């Protein structure tokens, strides 16, 4: 089992910046390797959508609406991911979820599982 813990978020005026961080850790005795790690968001009344994820090799895929404003980074050794959000807009208001795809060994086999953080609120006022 892998746990994702997020930090950051909050209330900011339009044009401001926020930084989200996420750290992945395994439960006692777990054997895992994080593959893809990143962020999704869900605004009220809307479906959860991709913001940006990054592979272990550093390849990222930010959604068009955040390109040039949000920067995703990872520390593979520390199993952390960071989302630097600049030039925030009211339409960026949402609950932001950390996501990780982890390869794990248990019960004698390799498993690929998806994990989510608890979510952190980002509110951008106009």
Foldseek 3Di string as FASTA:
>chain_A
DKAKAKDKADEEAAQAKIKMKIFIDDDPPWDKAWAKKDKWWDDPPGDIGDAKIAGPVGDMDGDPVQPPFWDWDDDRVRRMIMIIGGRDDQVVWTWMKIKIWMWTDDPNDIDTDIDIHPTDTHGYHD
